[in-house]
Amino acid sequence: MVEYDSAKSSPAIIDEFVQLIRYRDLVFLMTGNILKNRYKRSMLGIFWMLLNPLLQTIVLTIAFGTMFKSSLSHYAIYLLSGLLVWNFITQTTQYAMGTMAYGGGLLKKIYVPRATYIVAAVGNGMVNFFISIFSLIIIIIFLDHPLGAAWFFIPISILILTIFTFGFSLLLSTASVFFTDTLDIYQVLIQALFFLTPIMYPLSILSPELSQFLAWNPFLILIEMFRTPIYANHLPDTSLIVNAVSLAFTTLLAGWIAFTSKADQLAYRL
């Protein structure tokens, strides 16, 4: 049994990380429970994570594929590679926020590292993301899209994407505990942001002024870093990689500081 000393002397930013390592078995257990609870009443089970992106892609390709056919060959690949990143970030952050805001009653009963919920939510999102990637592979094979050495960069893209999502989840989850309207506001904002992010359309169709404005969109940076090796079959530009890495680690640092500085208050706020 792990003993916890409430009179710890190490800073919260360090202690929370140490406790996560000590409670790593609990993190894996919670991640597995999230997956089981999510799909136990579903007839398709985890297979739905493979089928859902395919259905989304088919519907949106029928609706918008003809419109962008001249500027985007293999539109389904362009679309799905962007959707996968978008869904991973938004679904994971929403689940993490909801878990902390409405499902953190365990924190009032026993001690567990507060970040356990966030790590489990991100772990669940990663599992779903990897399963969904198989739907992208199916479309790539069906359309006979070329594969190249640039694909070896994809694990790095996923790692950077995961780091950002973890940090973003920490920030939003901290806010959702202290301001319960955060989750509702976030859901409205991401619905609007979806149409301001070049997922269904190419950035080239926009005016130069709007393109420069959207260049600050963090979702666009991460989507392009993941999509470029797959769709364009070459490595992302160095500037794009630097921006993505800077964004991911800055978000992680900000999220970790914000979350751990309020960690001792979370149990009393839930």
C-alpha atoms as a PDB file:
ATOM      1  CA  MET A   1       0.000   0.000   0.000  1.00  0.00           C
ATOM      2  CA  VAL A   2       1.261   3.451  -0.910  1.00  0.00           C
ATOM      3  CA  GLU A   3       1.422   5.844   2.006  1.00  0.00           C
ATOM      4  CA  TYR A   4       0.768   9.493   1.428  1.00  0.00           C
ATOM      5  CA  ASP A   5       2.266  12.164   3.639  1.00  0.00           C
ATOM      6  CA  SER A   6       0.036  15.227   3.751  1.00  0.00           C
ATOM      7  CA  ALA A   7       2.931  17.209   5.172  1.00  0.00           C
ATOM      8  CA  LYS A   8       5.012  16.769   2.049  1.00  0.00           C
ATOM      9  CA  SER A   9       7.795  19.263   1.624  1.00  0.00           C
ATOM     10  CA  SER A  10       8.320  19.046  -2.141  1.00  0.00           C
ATOM     11  CA  PRO A  11       6.552  21.611  -4.349  1.00  0.00           C
ATOM     12  CA  ALA A  12       3.159  20.595  -5.739  1.00  0.00           C
ATOM     13  CA  ILE A  13       4.439  20.773  -9.313  1.00  0.00           C
ATOM     14  CA  ILE A  14       6.955  18.019  -8.478  1.00  0.00           C
ATOM     15  CA  ASP A  15       4.974  16.053  -5.926  1.00  0.00           C
ATOM     16  CA  GLU A  16       2.014  15.520  -8.256  1.00  0.00           C
ATOM     17  CA  PHE A  17       4.311  13.967 -10.855  1.00  0.00           C
ATOM     18  CA  VAL A  18       5.959  11.733  -8.256  1.00  0.00           C
ATOM     19  CA  GLN A  19       2.562  10.575  -6.997  1.00  0.00           C
ATOM     20  CA  LEU A  20       1.424   9.779 -10.548  1.00  0.00           C
ATOM     21  CA  ILE A  21       4.416   7.487 -10.924  1.00  0.00           C
ATOM     22  CA  ARG A  22       3.646   5.792  -7.602  1.00  0.00           C
ATOM     23  CA  TYR A  23      -0.021   5.345  -8.539  1.00  0.00           C
ATOM     24  CA  ARG A  24       0.660   4.266 -12.130  1.00  0.00           C
ATOM     25  CA  ASP A  25      -1.259   0.999 -11.656  1.00  0.00           C
ATOM     26  CA  LEU A  26      -4.344   3.007 -10.734  1.00  0.00           C
ATOM     27  CA  VAL A  27      -3.912   5.131 -13.870  1.00  0.00           C
ATOM     28  CA  PHE A  28      -3.898   2.020 -16.078  1.00  0.00           C
ATOM     29  CA  LEU A  29      -6.876   0.604 -14.201  1.00  0.00           C
ATOM     30  CA  MET A  30      -8.906   3.797 -14.616  1.00  0.00           C
ATOM     31  CA  THR A  31      -8.066   4.004 -18.310  1.00  0.00           C
ATOM     32  CA  GLY A  32      -9.272   0.450 -18.812  1.00  0.00           C
ATOM     33  CA  ASN A  33     -12.453   1.127 -16.851  1.00  0.00           C
ATOM     34  CA  ILE A  34     -13.224   4.171 -18.990  1.00  0.00           C
ATOM     35  CA  LEU A  35     -13.000   2.045 -22.135  1.00  0.00           C
ATOM     36  CA  LYS A  36     -15.138  -0.731 -20.652  1.00  0.00           C
ATOM     37  CA  ASN A  37     -17.827   1.632 -19.356  1.00  0.00           C
ATOM     38  CA  ARG A  38     -17.923   3.533 -22.612  1.00  0.00           C
ATOM     39  CA  TYR A  39     -18.601   0.523 -24.805  1.00  0.00           C
ATOM     40  CA  LYS A  40     -20.242  -2.062 -22.544  1.00  0.00           C
ATOM     41  CA  ARG A  41     -23.762  -1.113 -23.723  1.00  0.00           C
ATOM     42  CA  SER A  42     -22.758  -0.778 -27.360  1.00  0.00           C
ATOM     43  CA  MET A  43     -23.450  -3.649 -29.751  1.00  0.00           C
ATOM     44  CA  LEU A  44     -20.482  -2.623 -31.910  1.00  0.00           C
ATOM     45  CA  GLY A  45     -18.168  -1.976 -28.968  1.00  0.00           C
ATOM     46  CA  ILE A  46     -14.734  -0.602 -29.820  1.00  0.00           C
ATOM     47  CA  PHE A  47     -15.443  -1.445 -33.480  1.00  0.00           C
ATOM     48  CA  TRP A  48     -17.517   1.747 -33.472  1.00  0.00           C
ATOM     49  CA  MET A  49     -14.290   3.773 -33.187  1.00  0.00           C
ATOM     50  CA  LEU A  50     -13.314   2.298 -36.542  1.00  0.00           C
ATOM     51  CA  LEU A  51     -16.726   2.644 -38.165  1.00  0.00           C
ATOM     52  CA  ASN A  52     -17.609   6.145 -36.958  1.00  0.00           C
ATOM     53  CA  PRO A  53     -14.748   7.993 -38.744  1.00  0.00           C
ATOM     54  CA  LEU A  54     -15.481   6.038 -41.926  1.00  0.00           C
ATOM     55  CA  LEU A  55     -19.136   7.073 -41.849  1.00  0.00           C
ATOM     56  CA  GLN A  56     -18.211  10.696 -41.114  1.00  0.00           C
ATOM     57  CA  THR A  57     -15.776  10.716 -44.001  1.00  0.00           C
ATOM     58  CA  ILE A  58     -18.236   9.172 -46.440  1.00  0.00           C
ATOM     59  CA  VAL A  59     -20.987  11.663 -45.587  1.00  0.00           C
ATOM     60  CA  LEU A  60     -18.723  14.736 -45.673  1.00  0.00           C
ATOM     61  CA  THR A  61     -16.972  13.564 -48.836  1.00  0.00           C
ATOM     62  CA  ILE A  62     -20.315  13.239 -50.599  1.00  0.00           C
ATOM     63  CA  ALA A  63     -21.341  16.682 -49.318  1.00  0.00           C
ATOM     64  CA  PHE A  64     -18.108  18.600 -49.951  1.00  0.00           C
ATOM     65  CA  GLY A  65     -15.841  16.389 -52.063  1.00  0.00           C
ATOM     66  CA  THR A  66     -17.137  17.658 -55.405  1.00  0.00           C
ATOM     67  CA  MET A  67     -16.752  21.275 -54.276  1.00  0.00           C
ATOM     68  CA  PHE A  68     -13.023  20.876 -53.587  1.00  0.00           C
ATOM     69  CA  LYS A  69     -12.237  18.160 -56.131  1.00  0.00           C
ATOM     70  CA  SER A  70     -10.148  20.493 -58.307  1.00  0.00           C
ATOM     71  CA  SER A  71      -7.905  21.655 -55.446  1.00  0.00           C
ATOM     72  CA  LEU A  72      -7.796  18.489 -53.319  1.00  0.00           C
ATOM     73  CA  SER A  73      -7.217  15.090 -54.846  1.00  0.00           C
ATOM     74  CA  HIS A  74      -8.049  12.164 -52.572  1.00  0.00           C
ATOM     75  CA  TYR A  75     -10.270  14.483 -50.580  1.00  0.00           C
ATOM     76  CA  ALA A  76     -11.332  11.730 -48.170  1.00  0.00           C
ATOM     77  CA  ILE A  77      -7.744  11.344 -46.914  1.00  0.00           C
ATOM     78  CA  TYR A  78      -7.332  15.093 -46.480  1.00  0.00           C
ATOM     79  CA  LEU A  79     -10.613  15.253 -44.579  1.00  0.00           C
ATOM     80  CA  LEU A  80     -10.181  12.244 -42.312  1.00  0.00           C
ATOM     81  CA  SER A  81      -6.599  13.036 -41.312  1.00  0.00           C
ATOM     82  CA  GLY A  82      -7.851  16.403 -40.056  1.00  0.00           C
ATOM     83  CA  LEU A  83     -10.951  14.957 -38.394  1.00  0.00           C
ATOM     84  CA  LEU A  84      -8.931  12.416 -36.430  1.00  0.00           C
ATOM     85  CA  VAL A  85      -6.794  15.124 -34.832  1.00  0.00           C
ATOM     86  CA  TRP A  86      -9.795  17.354 -34.178  1.00  0.00           C
ATOM     87  CA  ASN A  87     -11.806  14.568 -32.566  1.00  0.00           C
ATOM     88  CA  PHE A  88      -8.878  13.439 -30.431  1.00  0.00           C
ATOM     89  CA  ILE A  89      -8.299  16.908 -28.968  1.00  0.00           C
ATOM     90  CA  THR A  90     -11.919  17.962 -28.488  1.00  0.00           C
ATOM     91  CA  GLN A  91     -13.326  14.654 -27.255  1.00  0.00           C
ATOM     92  CA  THR A  92     -10.447  14.056 -24.854  1.00  0.00           C
ATOM     93  CA  THR A  93     -10.577  17.541 -23.365  1.00  0.00           C
ATOM     94  CA  GLN A  94     -14.363  17.417 -22.980  1.00  0.00           C
ATOM     95  CA  TYR A  95     -14.182  14.028 -21.279  1.00  0.00           C
ATOM     96  CA  ALA A  96     -11.429  15.221 -18.938  1.00  0.00           C
ATOM     97  CA  MET A  97     -13.406  18.332 -18.031  1.00  0.00           C
ATOM     98  CA  GLY A  98     -16.586  16.352 -17.393  1.00  0.00           C
ATOM     99  CA  THR A  99     -14.747  13.793 -15.298  1.00  0.00           C
ATOM    100  CA  MET A 100     -13.189  16.408 -13.048  1.00  0.00           C
ATOM    101  CA  ALA A 101     -16.301  18.582 -12.793  1.00  0.00           C
ATOM    102  CA  TYR A 102     -18.899  15.867 -12.203  1.00  0.00           C
ATOM    103  CA  GLY A 103     -17.161  12.588 -11.458  1.00  0.00           C
ATOM    104  CA  GLY A 104     -14.433  13.395  -8.987  1.00  0.00           C
ATOM    105  CA  GLY A 105     -16.259  12.262  -5.851  1.00  0.00           C
ATOM    106  CA  LEU A 106     -13.518   9.744  -5.128  1.00  0.00           C
ATOM    107  CA  LEU A 107     -11.179  12.626  -4.304  1.00  0.00           C
ATOM    108  CA  LYS A 108     -13.329  13.457  -1.278  1.00  0.00           C
ATOM    109  CA  LYS A 109     -13.047   9.935   0.144  1.00  0.00           C
ATOM    110  CA  ILE A 110      -9.469   8.815  -0.362  1.00  0.00           C
ATOM    111  CA  TYR A 111      -6.251  10.288  -1.616  1.00  0.00           C
ATOM    112  CA  VAL A 112      -5.389   9.766  -5.269  1.00  0.00           C
ATOM    113  CA  PRO A 113      -3.231  12.064  -7.369  1.00  0.00           C
ATOM    114  CA  ARG A 114      -5.596  14.649  -8.797  1.00  0.00           C
ATOM    115  CA  ALA A 115      -4.041  14.391 -12.248  1.00  0.00           C
ATOM    116  CA  THR A 116      -4.937  10.676 -12.393  1.00  0.00           C
ATOM    117  CA  TYR A 117      -8.306  11.535 -13.934  1.00  0.00           C
ATOM    118  CA  ILE A 118      -6.697  13.648 -16.656  1.00  0.00           C
ATOM    119  CA  VAL A 119      -4.023  11.078 -17.490  1.00  0.00           C
ATOM    120  CA  ALA A 120      -6.687   8.349 -17.708  1.00  0.00           C
ATOM    121  CA  ALA A 121      -8.836  10.517 -19.994  1.00  0.00           C
ATOM    122  CA  VAL A 122      -5.885  11.206 -22.304  1.00  0.00           C
ATOM    123  CA  GLY A 123      -4.929   7.526 -22.253  1.00  0.00           C
ATOM    124  CA  ASN A 124      -8.469   6.616 -23.264  1.00  0.00           C
ATOM    125  CA  GLY A 125      -8.336   9.210 -26.038  1.00  0.00           C
ATOM    126  CA  MET A 126      -5.062   7.786 -27.334  1.00  0.00           C
ATOM    127  CA  VAL A 127      -6.512   4.267 -27.524  1.00  0.00           C
ATOM    128  CA  ASN A 128      -9.498   5.578 -29.476  1.00  0.00           C
ATOM    129  CA  PHE A 129      -7.195   7.617 -31.707  1.00  0.00           C
ATOM    130  CA  PHE A 130      -5.024   4.634 -32.617  1.00  0.00           C
ATOM    131  CA  ILE A 131      -8.097   2.541 -33.386  1.00  0.00           C
ATOM    132  CA  SER A 132      -9.502   5.321 -35.573  1.00  0.00           C
ATOM    133  CA  ILE A 133      -6.251   5.510 -37.543  1.00  0.00           C
ATOM    134  CA  PHE A 134      -7.095   2.096 -38.997  1.00  0.00           C
ATOM    135  CA  SER A 135     -10.072   3.695 -40.743  1.00  0.00           C
ATOM    136  CA  LEU A 136      -7.641   6.144 -42.358  1.00  0.00           C
ATOM    137  CA  ILE A 137      -5.427   3.259 -43.474  1.00  0.00           C
ATOM    138  CA  ILE A 138      -8.444   1.554 -45.045  1.00  0.00           C
ATOM    139  CA  ILE A 139      -9.223   4.660 -47.106  1.00  0.00           C
ATOM    140  CA  ILE A 140      -5.578   5.100 -48.091  1.00  0.00           C
ATOM    141  CA  ILE A 141      -5.436   1.530 -49.362  1.00  0.00           C
ATOM    142  CA  PHE A 142      -8.791   1.873 -51.142  1.00  0.00           C
ATOM    143  CA  LEU A 143      -7.705   5.085 -52.939  1.00  0.00           C
ATOM    144  CA  ASP A 144      -4.217   3.725 -53.623  1.00  0.00           C
ATOM    145  CA  HIS A 145      -2.654   6.785 -52.023  1.00  0.00           C
ATOM    146  CA  PRO A 146       1.170   6.698 -52.134  1.00  0.00           C
ATOM    147  CA  LEU A 147       3.149   5.938 -48.985  1.00  0.00           C
ATOM    148  CA  GLY A 148       6.609   7.302 -48.342  1.00  0.00           C
ATOM    149  CA  ALA A 149       9.412   7.738 -45.830  1.00  0.00           C
ATOM    150  CA  ALA A 150       7.634  10.796 -44.402  1.00  0.00           C
ATOM    151  CA  TRP A 151       5.263   8.394 -42.636  1.00  0.00           C
ATOM    152  CA  PHE A 152       8.017   7.668 -40.116  1.00  0.00           C
ATOM    153  CA  PHE A 153       7.371  11.169 -38.755  1.00  0.00           C
ATOM    154  CA  ILE A 154       3.786  10.287 -37.768  1.00  0.00           C
ATOM    155  CA  PRO A 155       4.692   8.851 -34.306  1.00  0.00           C
ATOM    156  CA  ILE A 156       6.438  12.139 -33.521  1.00  0.00           C
ATOM    157  CA  SER A 157       3.331  14.033 -34.627  1.00  0.00           C
ATOM    158  CA  ILE A 158       1.170  11.896 -32.369  1.00  0.00           C
ATOM    159  CA  LEU A 159       3.538  12.409 -29.413  1.00  0.00           C
ATOM    160  CA  ILE A 160       3.459  16.198 -29.840  1.00  0.00           C
ATOM    161  CA  LEU A 161      -0.312  16.087 -30.268  1.00  0.00           C
ATOM    162  CA  THR A 162      -0.689  14.058 -27.072  1.00  0.00           C
ATOM    163  CA  ILE A 163       1.514  16.438 -25.081  1.00  0.00           C
ATOM    164  CA  PHE A 164      -0.605  19.382 -26.196  1.00  0.00           C
ATOM    165  CA  THR A 165      -3.868  17.566 -25.449  1.00  0.00           C
ATOM    166  CA  PHE A 166      -2.689  16.631 -21.966  1.00  0.00           C
ATOM    167  CA  GLY A 167      -1.681  20.204 -21.165  1.00  0.00           C
ATOM    168  CA  PHE A 168      -4.888  21.606 -22.661  1.00  0.00           C
ATOM    169  CA  SER A 169      -6.960  19.113 -20.657  1.00  0.00           C
ATOM    170  CA  LEU A 170      -5.199  20.171 -17.459  1.00  0.00           C
ATOM    171  CA  LEU A 171      -5.973  23.835 -18.133  1.00  0.00           C
ATOM    172  CA  LEU A 172      -9.609  23.283 -19.036  1.00  0.00           C
ATOM    173  CA  SER A 173     -10.228  20.764 -16.239  1.00  0.00           C
ATOM    174  CA  THR A 174      -8.894  23.190 -13.639  1.00  0.00           C
ATOM    175  CA  ALA A 175     -11.201  25.879 -15.002  1.00  0.00           C
ATOM    176  CA  SER A 176     -14.191  23.520 -15.111  1.00  0.00           C
ATOM    177  CA  VAL A 177     -13.876  22.677 -11.413  1.00  0.00           C
ATOM    178  CA  PHE A 178     -13.902  26.317 -10.342  1.00  0.00           C
ATOM    179  CA  PHE A 179     -16.270  27.556 -13.067  1.00  0.00           C
ATOM    180  CA  THR A 180     -18.836  24.904 -13.985  1.00  0.00           C
ATOM    181  CA  ASP A 181     -19.995  26.849 -17.056  1.00  0.00           C
ATOM    182  CA  THR A 182     -16.598  26.265 -18.666  1.00  0.00           C
ATOM    183  CA  LEU A 183     -17.671  22.958 -20.231  1.00  0.00           C
ATOM    184  CA  ASP A 184     -20.790  24.461 -21.831  1.00  0.00           C
ATOM    185  CA  ILE A 185     -18.887  27.497 -23.105  1.00  0.00           C
ATOM    186  CA  TYR A 186     -16.135  25.287 -24.493  1.00  0.00           C
ATOM    187  CA  GLN A 187     -18.624  23.136 -26.404  1.00  0.00           C
ATOM    188  CA  VAL A 188     -20.069  26.225 -28.082  1.00  0.00           C
ATOM    189  CA  LEU A 189     -16.635  27.615 -28.917  1.00  0.00           C
ATOM    190  CA  ILE A 190     -15.319  24.433 -30.510  1.00  0.00           C
ATOM    191  CA  GLN A 191     -18.418  24.164 -32.684  1.00  0.00           C
ATOM    192  CA  ALA A 192     -17.619  27.607 -34.091  1.00  0.00           C
ATOM    193  CA  LEU A 193     -13.889  26.893 -34.260  1.00  0.00           C
ATOM    194  CA  PHE A 194     -14.508  23.729 -36.292  1.00  0.00           C
ATOM    195  CA  PHE A 195     -15.627  25.841 -39.251  1.00  0.00           C
ATOM    196  CA  LEU A 196     -12.699  28.223 -38.781  1.00  0.00           C
ATOM    197  CA  THR A 197     -10.224  25.356 -39.015  1.00  0.00           C
ATOM    198  CA  PRO A 198      -9.306  24.024 -42.493  1.00  0.00           C
ATOM    199  CA  ILE A 199     -10.486  20.474 -41.942  1.00  0.00           C
ATOM    200  CA  MET A 200     -13.129  20.215 -44.662  1.00  0.00           C
ATOM    201  CA  TYR A 201     -11.586  22.816 -46.974  1.00  0.00           C
ATOM    202  CA  PRO A 202      -8.071  23.853 -48.057  1.00  0.00           C
ATOM    203  CA  LEU A 203      -6.481  26.939 -46.591  1.00  0.00           C
ATOM    204  CA  SER A 204      -5.762  28.152 -50.132  1.00  0.00           C
ATOM    205  CA  ILE A 205      -9.392  29.084 -50.808  1.00  0.00           C
ATOM    206  CA  LEU A 206      -9.302  31.773 -48.117  1.00  0.00           C
ATOM    207  CA  SER A 207      -8.118  35.334 -48.534  1.00  0.00           C
ATOM    208  CA  PRO A 208      -4.503  36.081 -47.576  1.00  0.00           C
ATOM    209  CA  GLU A 209      -5.685  38.176 -44.629  1.00  0.00           C
ATOM    210  CA  LEU A 210      -7.891  35.410 -43.259  1.00  0.00           C
ATOM    211  CA  SER A 211      -5.200  32.798 -43.909  1.00  0.00           C
ATOM    212  CA  GLN A 212      -2.715  34.794 -41.835  1.00  0.00           C
ATOM    213  CA  PHE A 213      -5.279  35.111 -39.052  1.00  0.00           C
ATOM    214  CA  LEU A 214      -6.012  31.376 -39.025  1.00  0.00           C
ATOM    215  CA  ALA A 215      -2.288  30.653 -38.924  1.00  0.00           C
ATOM    216  CA  TRP A 216      -2.552  31.422 -35.193  1.00  0.00           C
ATOM    217  CA  ASN A 217      -5.133  28.669 -34.747  1.00  0.00           C
ATOM    218  CA  PRO A 218      -3.409  26.010 -32.569  1.00  0.00           C
ATOM    219  CA  PHE A 219      -5.661  23.292 -33.977  1.00  0.00           C
ATOM    220  CA  LEU A 220      -4.508  24.107 -37.503  1.00  0.00           C
ATOM    221  CA  ILE A 221      -0.835  23.844 -36.512  1.00  0.00           C
ATOM    222  CA  LEU A 222      -1.336  20.395 -34.988  1.00  0.00           C
ATOM    223  CA  ILE A 223      -3.574  19.151 -37.791  1.00  0.00           C
ATOM    224  CA  GLU A 224      -1.102  20.185 -40.486  1.00  0.00           C
ATOM    225  CA  MET A 225       1.777  18.576 -38.607  1.00  0.00           C
ATOM    226  CA  PHE A 226      -0.110  15.264 -38.587  1.00  0.00           C
ATOM    227  CA  ARG A 227      -1.726  15.570 -42.025  1.00  0.00           C
ATOM    228  CA  THR A 228       1.288  16.685 -44.088  1.00  0.00           C
ATOM    229  CA  PRO A 229       3.252  13.391 -43.985  1.00  0.00           C
ATOM    230  CA  ILE A 230       0.078  11.434 -44.739  1.00  0.00           C
ATOM    231  CA  TYR A 231      -1.591  13.535 -47.399  1.00  0.00           C
ATOM    232  CA  ALA A 232       1.313  15.449 -48.985  1.00  0.00           C
ATOM    233  CA  ASN A 233       3.810  12.622 -48.425  1.00  0.00           C
ATOM    234  CA  HIS A 234       6.609  14.872 -47.207  1.00  0.00           C
ATOM    235  CA  LEU A 235       7.833  16.170 -43.864  1.00  0.00           C
ATOM    236  CA  PRO A 236       6.242  19.270 -42.369  1.00  0.00           C
ATOM    237  CA  ASP A 237       8.197  22.491 -42.685  1.00  0.00           C
ATOM    238  CA  THR A 238      10.762  23.108 -39.980  1.00  0.00           C
ATOM    239  CA  SER A 239       8.888  26.224 -38.870  1.00  0.00           C
ATOM    240  CA  LEU A 240       5.683  24.197 -38.498  1.00  0.00           C
ATOM    241  CA  ILE A 241       7.438  21.576 -36.382  1.00  0.00           C
ATOM    242  CA  VAL A 242       9.039  24.236 -34.172  1.00  0.00           C
ATOM    243  CA  ASN A 243       5.693  25.985 -33.716  1.00  0.00           C
ATOM    244  CA  ALA A 244       3.953  22.711 -32.883  1.00  0.00           C
ATOM    245  CA  VAL A 245       6.604  21.651 -30.358  1.00  0.00           C
ATOM    246  CA  SER A 246       6.624  25.101 -28.741  1.00  0.00           C
ATOM    247  CA  LEU A 247       2.829  25.106 -28.568  1.00  0.00           C
ATOM    248  CA  ALA A 248       2.668  21.618 -27.055  1.00  0.00           C
ATOM    249  CA  PHE A 249       5.261  22.126 -24.330  1.00  0.00           C
ATOM    250  CA  THR A 250       4.095  25.647 -23.476  1.00  0.00           C
ATOM    251  CA  THR A 251       0.538  24.339 -23.059  1.00  0.00           C
ATOM    252  CA  LEU A 252       1.761  21.394 -20.980  1.00  0.00           C
ATOM    253  CA  LEU A 253       3.810  23.644 -18.695  1.00  0.00           C
ATOM    254  CA  ALA A 254       0.979  26.143 -18.266  1.00  0.00           C
ATOM    255  CA  GLY A 255      -1.547  23.373 -17.665  1.00  0.00           C
ATOM    256  CA  TRP A 256       0.634  21.509 -15.188  1.00  0.00           C
ATOM    257  CA  ILE A 257       1.409  24.652 -13.165  1.00  0.00           C
ATOM    258  CA  ALA A 258      -2.246  25.732 -13.127  1.00  0.00           C
ATOM    259  CA  PHE A 259      -3.512  22.282 -12.169  1.00  0.00           C
ATOM    260  CA  THR A 260      -0.949  21.440  -9.493  1.00  0.00           C
ATOM    261  CA  SER A 261      -1.197  24.876  -7.897  1.00  0.00           C
ATOM    262  CA  LYS A 262      -4.920  24.207  -7.323  1.00  0.00           C
ATOM    263  CA  ALA A 263      -4.675  20.451  -6.723  1.00  0.00           C
ATOM    264  CA  ASP A 264      -5.243  20.647  -2.966  1.00  0.00           C
ATOM    265  CA  GLN A 265      -8.422  22.680  -3.514  1.00  0.00           C
ATOM    266  CA  LEU A 266      -9.976  20.406  -6.108  1.00  0.00           C
ATOM    267  CA  ALA A 267     -11.430  17.865  -3.650  1.00  0.00           C
ATOM    268  CA  TYR A 268     -13.274  20.624  -1.818  1.00  0.00           C
ATOM    269  CA  ARG A 269     -14.631  22.154  -5.012  1.00  0.00           C
ATOM    270  CA  LEU A 270     -16.026  18.938  -6.526  1.00  0.00           C
END
